[in-house]
N, C-alpha and C. Protein backbone atom coordinates (compact mmCIF):
# COMPACT_ATOMS: atom_id res chain seq x y z
N UNK A 1 -19.56 -0.44 11.07
CA UNK A 1 -19.36 0.73 10.24
C UNK A 1 -18.42 1.68 10.96
N UNK A 2 -18.88 2.80 11.44
CA UNK A 2 -18.00 3.71 12.13
C UNK A 2 -18.22 5.13 11.69
N UNK A 3 -17.51 6.00 12.37
CA UNK A 3 -17.57 7.42 12.07
C UNK A 3 -16.72 7.74 10.86
N UNK A 4 -17.12 8.75 10.08
CA UNK A 4 -16.24 9.20 9.00
C UNK A 4 -14.92 9.70 9.56
N UNK A 5 -13.89 9.67 8.76
CA UNK A 5 -12.58 10.13 9.20
C UNK A 5 -12.56 11.65 9.31
N UNK A 6 -11.77 12.14 10.28
CA UNK A 6 -11.64 13.60 10.39
C UNK A 6 -10.57 14.11 9.43
N UNK A 7 -10.45 15.42 9.34
CA UNK A 7 -9.53 16.04 8.38
C UNK A 7 -8.08 15.61 8.58
N UNK A 8 -7.66 15.52 9.84
CA UNK A 8 -6.27 15.13 10.11
C UNK A 8 -6.01 13.71 9.64
N UNK A 9 -6.98 12.81 9.89
CA UNK A 9 -6.82 11.43 9.43
C UNK A 9 -6.76 11.38 7.91
N UNK A 10 -7.65 12.13 7.26
CA UNK A 10 -7.66 12.16 5.79
C UNK A 10 -6.36 12.74 5.24
N UNK A 11 -5.86 13.78 5.88
CA UNK A 11 -4.60 14.38 5.44
C UNK A 11 -3.46 13.38 5.57
N UNK A 12 -3.46 12.60 6.65
CA UNK A 12 -2.43 11.60 6.84
C UNK A 12 -2.50 10.50 5.78
N UNK A 13 -3.71 10.05 5.50
CA UNK A 13 -3.87 9.01 4.47
C UNK A 13 -3.51 9.56 3.10
N UNK A 14 -3.91 10.80 2.82
CA UNK A 14 -3.57 11.39 1.52
C UNK A 14 -2.06 11.50 1.36
N UNK A 15 -1.38 11.85 2.43
CA UNK A 15 0.08 11.94 2.40
C UNK A 15 0.70 10.56 2.14
N UNK A 16 0.17 9.53 2.80
CA UNK A 16 0.66 8.16 2.57
C UNK A 16 0.43 7.74 1.12
N UNK A 17 -0.75 8.08 0.60
CA UNK A 17 -1.07 7.72 -0.78
C UNK A 17 -0.15 8.44 -1.77
N UNK A 18 0.13 9.72 -1.49
CA UNK A 18 1.04 10.47 -2.37
C UNK A 18 2.44 9.85 -2.36
N UNK A 19 2.90 9.42 -1.19
CA UNK A 19 4.21 8.77 -1.09
C UNK A 19 4.19 7.43 -1.83
N UNK A 20 3.08 6.69 -1.72
CA UNK A 20 2.96 5.42 -2.42
C UNK A 20 2.95 5.65 -3.93
N UNK A 21 2.28 6.70 -4.38
CA UNK A 21 2.25 7.02 -5.80
C UNK A 21 3.66 7.32 -6.31
N UNK A 22 4.42 8.09 -5.55
CA UNK A 22 5.81 8.38 -5.93
C UNK A 22 6.62 7.09 -6.04
N UNK A 23 6.44 6.18 -5.07
CA UNK A 23 7.19 4.92 -5.07
C UNK A 23 6.80 4.06 -6.27
N UNK A 24 5.52 4.00 -6.58
CA UNK A 24 5.06 3.22 -7.73
C UNK A 24 5.59 3.82 -9.03
N UNK A 25 5.55 5.13 -9.13
CA UNK A 25 6.08 5.79 -10.33
C UNK A 25 7.57 5.49 -10.51
N UNK A 26 8.32 5.47 -9.40
CA UNK A 26 9.74 5.13 -9.48
C UNK A 26 9.92 3.69 -9.96
N UNK A 27 9.13 2.78 -9.42
CA UNK A 27 9.21 1.37 -9.83
C UNK A 27 8.89 1.22 -11.32
N UNK A 28 7.86 1.90 -11.77
CA UNK A 28 7.51 1.83 -13.19
C UNK A 28 8.65 2.37 -14.05
N UNK A 29 9.23 3.46 -13.63
CA UNK A 29 10.34 4.04 -14.37
C UNK A 29 11.53 3.10 -14.40
N UNK A 30 11.83 2.45 -13.28
CA UNK A 30 12.93 1.50 -13.22
C UNK A 30 12.71 0.29 -14.12
N UNK A 31 11.45 -0.04 -14.35
CA UNK A 31 11.12 -1.17 -15.22
C UNK A 31 10.93 -0.73 -16.68
N UNK A 32 11.17 0.55 -16.94
CA UNK A 32 11.10 1.03 -18.31
C UNK A 32 9.70 1.29 -18.82
N UNK A 33 8.73 1.39 -17.91
CA UNK A 33 7.35 1.65 -18.32
C UNK A 33 7.06 3.14 -18.10
N UNK A 34 6.44 3.73 -19.10
CA UNK A 34 6.05 5.13 -18.98
C UNK A 34 4.58 5.23 -19.29
N UNK A 35 3.88 6.03 -18.48
CA UNK A 35 2.43 6.19 -18.60
C UNK A 35 1.77 4.81 -18.57
N UNK A 36 0.91 4.53 -19.53
CA UNK A 36 0.22 3.25 -19.56
C UNK A 36 0.88 2.28 -20.52
N UNK A 37 1.96 2.68 -21.16
CA UNK A 37 2.63 1.82 -22.14
C UNK A 37 3.46 0.76 -21.43
N UNK A 38 3.48 -0.41 -22.02
CA UNK A 38 4.32 -1.50 -21.51
C UNK A 38 5.29 -1.85 -22.61
N UNK A 39 6.46 -1.28 -22.52
CA UNK A 39 7.52 -1.56 -23.49
C UNK A 39 8.66 -2.20 -22.74
N UNK A 40 8.94 -3.44 -23.06
CA UNK A 40 10.00 -4.16 -22.37
C UNK A 40 11.02 -4.61 -23.38
N UNK A 41 12.22 -4.11 -23.23
CA UNK A 41 13.29 -4.54 -24.11
C UNK A 41 14.14 -5.57 -23.39
N UNK A 42 14.60 -6.55 -24.10
CA UNK A 42 15.47 -7.57 -23.53
C UNK A 42 16.81 -7.51 -24.23
N UNK A 43 17.81 -7.96 -23.51
CA UNK A 43 19.15 -7.99 -24.09
C UNK A 43 19.16 -8.83 -25.35
N UNK A 44 19.86 -8.34 -26.33
CA UNK A 44 19.98 -9.06 -27.61
C UNK A 44 20.74 -10.36 -27.45
N UNK A 45 21.49 -10.53 -26.33
CA UNK A 45 22.31 -11.70 -26.13
C UNK A 45 21.56 -12.95 -25.72
N UNK A 46 20.28 -12.87 -25.55
CA UNK A 46 19.54 -14.07 -25.15
C UNK A 46 19.61 -15.11 -26.26
N UNK A 47 20.16 -16.27 -25.91
CA UNK A 47 20.27 -17.35 -26.89
C UNK A 47 18.97 -18.13 -26.98
N UNK A 48 18.25 -18.21 -25.89
CA UNK A 48 17.05 -19.03 -25.84
C UNK A 48 15.82 -18.12 -25.92
N UNK A 49 15.12 -18.16 -27.03
CA UNK A 49 13.97 -17.27 -27.19
C UNK A 49 12.85 -17.60 -26.22
N UNK A 50 12.72 -18.87 -25.80
CA UNK A 50 11.71 -19.24 -24.81
C UNK A 50 12.02 -18.57 -23.48
N UNK A 51 13.30 -18.54 -23.12
CA UNK A 51 13.70 -17.88 -21.89
C UNK A 51 13.40 -16.39 -21.98
N UNK A 52 13.71 -15.79 -23.11
CA UNK A 52 13.45 -14.36 -23.30
C UNK A 52 11.95 -14.06 -23.22
N UNK A 53 11.14 -14.92 -23.82
CA UNK A 53 9.70 -14.73 -23.79
C UNK A 53 9.17 -14.85 -22.36
N UNK A 54 9.68 -15.81 -21.61
CA UNK A 54 9.26 -16.00 -20.23
C UNK A 54 9.64 -14.79 -19.39
N UNK A 55 10.87 -14.31 -19.56
CA UNK A 55 11.32 -13.15 -18.80
C UNK A 55 10.49 -11.92 -19.14
N UNK A 56 10.22 -11.71 -20.41
CA UNK A 56 9.43 -10.57 -20.84
C UNK A 56 8.03 -10.65 -20.23
N UNK A 57 7.45 -11.83 -20.24
CA UNK A 57 6.11 -12.04 -19.68
C UNK A 57 6.09 -11.69 -18.19
N UNK A 58 7.12 -12.11 -17.47
CA UNK A 58 7.21 -11.81 -16.05
C UNK A 58 7.33 -10.31 -15.80
N UNK A 59 8.15 -9.65 -16.58
CA UNK A 59 8.34 -8.21 -16.44
C UNK A 59 7.04 -7.47 -16.76
N UNK A 60 6.37 -7.87 -17.82
CA UNK A 60 5.10 -7.24 -18.18
C UNK A 60 4.08 -7.43 -17.06
N UNK A 61 4.06 -8.61 -16.45
CA UNK A 61 3.16 -8.87 -15.33
C UNK A 61 3.43 -7.94 -14.16
N UNK A 62 4.69 -7.75 -13.83
CA UNK A 62 5.07 -6.85 -12.74
C UNK A 62 4.66 -5.42 -13.07
N UNK A 63 4.92 -5.00 -14.30
CA UNK A 63 4.57 -3.64 -14.71
C UNK A 63 3.06 -3.44 -14.62
N UNK A 64 2.28 -4.41 -15.05
CA UNK A 64 0.81 -4.28 -14.99
C UNK A 64 0.34 -4.19 -13.54
N UNK A 65 0.97 -4.94 -12.64
CA UNK A 65 0.61 -4.84 -11.22
C UNK A 65 0.88 -3.43 -10.70
N UNK A 66 2.03 -2.88 -11.06
CA UNK A 66 2.34 -1.50 -10.64
C UNK A 66 1.36 -0.51 -11.25
N UNK A 67 0.99 -0.70 -12.52
CA UNK A 67 0.03 0.19 -13.16
C UNK A 67 -1.34 0.12 -12.48
N UNK A 68 -1.76 -1.09 -12.11
CA UNK A 68 -3.03 -1.24 -11.41
C UNK A 68 -2.98 -0.58 -10.03
N UNK A 69 -1.86 -0.78 -9.34
CA UNK A 69 -1.68 -0.16 -8.03
C UNK A 69 -1.71 1.36 -8.16
N UNK A 70 -1.04 1.88 -9.18
CA UNK A 70 -1.01 3.32 -9.44
C UNK A 70 -2.42 3.86 -9.67
N UNK A 71 -3.20 3.15 -10.48
CA UNK A 71 -4.57 3.59 -10.77
C UNK A 71 -5.42 3.60 -9.49
N UNK A 72 -5.25 2.61 -8.63
CA UNK A 72 -6.01 2.56 -7.38
C UNK A 72 -5.62 3.70 -6.44
N UNK A 73 -4.33 4.00 -6.38
CA UNK A 73 -3.85 5.10 -5.53
C UNK A 73 -4.40 6.43 -6.04
N UNK A 74 -4.32 6.65 -7.33
CA UNK A 74 -4.84 7.89 -7.91
C UNK A 74 -6.34 8.01 -7.65
N UNK A 75 -7.08 6.92 -7.81
CA UNK A 75 -8.52 6.95 -7.57
C UNK A 75 -8.83 7.29 -6.11
N UNK A 76 -8.04 6.75 -5.18
CA UNK A 76 -8.25 7.05 -3.76
C UNK A 76 -7.97 8.53 -3.47
N UNK A 77 -6.90 9.06 -4.04
CA UNK A 77 -6.59 10.49 -3.87
C UNK A 77 -7.73 11.34 -4.44
N UNK A 78 -8.24 10.97 -5.59
CA UNK A 78 -9.35 11.70 -6.20
C UNK A 78 -10.60 11.64 -5.32
N UNK A 79 -10.85 10.49 -4.67
CA UNK A 79 -12.00 10.39 -3.76
C UNK A 79 -11.82 11.29 -2.55
N UNK A 80 -10.59 11.37 -2.04
CA UNK A 80 -10.32 12.27 -0.92
C UNK A 80 -10.61 13.70 -1.34
N UNK A 81 -10.08 14.10 -2.50
CA UNK A 81 -10.26 15.47 -2.99
C UNK A 81 -11.72 15.79 -3.28
N UNK A 82 -12.50 14.78 -3.70
CA UNK A 82 -13.91 14.99 -4.02
C UNK A 82 -14.81 14.90 -2.79
N UNK A 83 -14.25 14.46 -1.67
CA UNK A 83 -15.04 14.34 -0.45
C UNK A 83 -15.85 13.05 -0.37
N UNK A 84 -15.53 12.07 -1.21
CA UNK A 84 -16.27 10.81 -1.20
C UNK A 84 -15.45 9.66 -0.61
N UNK A 85 -14.24 9.94 -0.17
CA UNK A 85 -13.37 8.90 0.38
C UNK A 85 -14.00 8.36 1.66
N UNK A 86 -13.94 7.04 1.81
CA UNK A 86 -14.47 6.43 3.01
C UNK A 86 -15.93 6.04 2.91
N UNK A 87 -16.51 6.22 1.72
CA UNK A 87 -17.90 5.82 1.47
C UNK A 87 -17.88 4.61 0.55
N UNK A 88 -18.58 3.56 0.94
CA UNK A 88 -18.63 2.33 0.14
C UNK A 88 -19.26 2.63 -1.22
N UNK A 89 -18.58 2.21 -2.27
CA UNK A 89 -19.08 2.45 -3.63
C UNK A 89 -20.27 1.56 -3.97
N UNK A 90 -20.52 0.54 -3.16
CA UNK A 90 -21.64 -0.36 -3.43
C UNK A 90 -22.90 0.06 -2.67
N UNK A 91 -22.78 0.23 -1.36
CA UNK A 91 -23.98 0.48 -0.54
C UNK A 91 -24.08 1.91 -0.04
N UNK A 92 -22.99 2.69 -0.12
CA UNK A 92 -23.02 4.08 0.32
C UNK A 92 -22.78 4.27 1.81
N UNK A 93 -22.55 3.19 2.56
CA UNK A 93 -22.28 3.33 3.99
C UNK A 93 -20.83 3.76 4.20
N UNK A 94 -20.58 4.23 5.41
CA UNK A 94 -19.23 4.64 5.79
C UNK A 94 -18.34 3.42 5.96
N UNK A 95 -17.16 3.47 5.38
CA UNK A 95 -16.16 2.41 5.56
C UNK A 95 -15.43 2.73 6.86
N UNK A 96 -15.26 1.73 7.70
CA UNK A 96 -14.61 1.93 9.00
C UNK A 96 -13.20 2.49 8.88
N UNK A 97 -12.85 3.42 9.77
CA UNK A 97 -11.51 4.02 9.74
C UNK A 97 -10.39 3.00 9.85
N UNK A 98 -10.62 1.93 10.61
CA UNK A 98 -9.58 0.91 10.75
C UNK A 98 -9.30 0.25 9.40
N UNK A 99 -10.36 -0.01 8.64
CA UNK A 99 -10.22 -0.62 7.32
C UNK A 99 -9.48 0.33 6.38
N UNK A 100 -9.82 1.61 6.44
CA UNK A 100 -9.16 2.60 5.59
C UNK A 100 -7.69 2.77 5.96
N UNK A 101 -7.40 2.70 7.25
CA UNK A 101 -6.00 2.79 7.68
C UNK A 101 -5.19 1.61 7.15
N UNK A 102 -5.79 0.43 7.22
CA UNK A 102 -5.09 -0.79 6.79
C UNK A 102 -4.99 -0.87 5.27
N UNK A 103 -6.04 -0.46 4.58
CA UNK A 103 -6.12 -0.56 3.13
C UNK A 103 -6.60 0.78 2.56
N UNK A 104 -5.71 1.76 2.43
CA UNK A 104 -6.12 3.10 2.05
C UNK A 104 -6.79 3.23 0.67
N UNK A 105 -6.64 2.24 -0.19
CA UNK A 105 -7.27 2.35 -1.52
C UNK A 105 -8.60 1.61 -1.59
N UNK A 106 -9.05 1.06 -0.46
CA UNK A 106 -10.26 0.24 -0.45
C UNK A 106 -11.48 1.06 -0.90
N UNK A 107 -12.36 0.39 -1.67
CA UNK A 107 -13.56 1.04 -2.21
C UNK A 107 -14.85 0.54 -1.59
N UNK A 108 -14.78 -0.64 -0.95
CA UNK A 108 -15.99 -1.27 -0.41
C UNK A 108 -15.88 -1.46 1.10
N UNK A 109 -17.02 -1.35 1.79
CA UNK A 109 -17.06 -1.67 3.21
C UNK A 109 -16.84 -3.17 3.35
N UNK A 110 -16.56 -3.59 4.56
CA UNK A 110 -16.26 -4.99 4.81
C UNK A 110 -17.44 -5.90 4.47
N UNK A 111 -18.65 -5.44 4.75
CA UNK A 111 -19.84 -6.24 4.45
C UNK A 111 -19.98 -6.47 2.96
N UNK A 112 -19.83 -5.42 2.16
CA UNK A 112 -19.95 -5.56 0.70
C UNK A 112 -18.80 -6.37 0.11
N UNK A 113 -17.60 -6.19 0.64
CA UNK A 113 -16.46 -6.97 0.17
C UNK A 113 -16.67 -8.44 0.47
N UNK A 114 -17.19 -8.74 1.66
CA UNK A 114 -17.45 -10.14 2.03
C UNK A 114 -18.52 -10.77 1.16
N UNK A 115 -19.48 -9.98 0.72
CA UNK A 115 -20.58 -10.49 -0.10
C UNK A 115 -20.20 -10.61 -1.57
N UNK A 116 -19.11 -9.97 -1.97
CA UNK A 116 -18.70 -10.02 -3.38
C UNK A 116 -18.23 -11.41 -3.75
N UNK A 117 -18.51 -11.84 -5.01
CA UNK A 117 -18.09 -13.18 -5.43
C UNK A 117 -16.59 -13.32 -5.56
């Protein structure tokens, strides 16, 4: 387990999360996604509709990954602001600072993550 993180550590992680949120928002914008909408336009010049469908599917997949990442980052920032960051959502124990440093959006301690199916 470990000691809870101190304010300086939390401030550093919050700053990293805010920078990650900005980067994800930029990526979503570059892919033409706004908010939770997934609107993907393809060039009208595509001769092969199967190719167009495949490309659209790939782009939608990437956008959904960014949206999921964005939601996890926002949730982590909200946990920091609420004072619950670093507490396992399953068992309530403290998540080790090393784990939080490596995976700032993590919600479960290593024991609970290992036990999850």
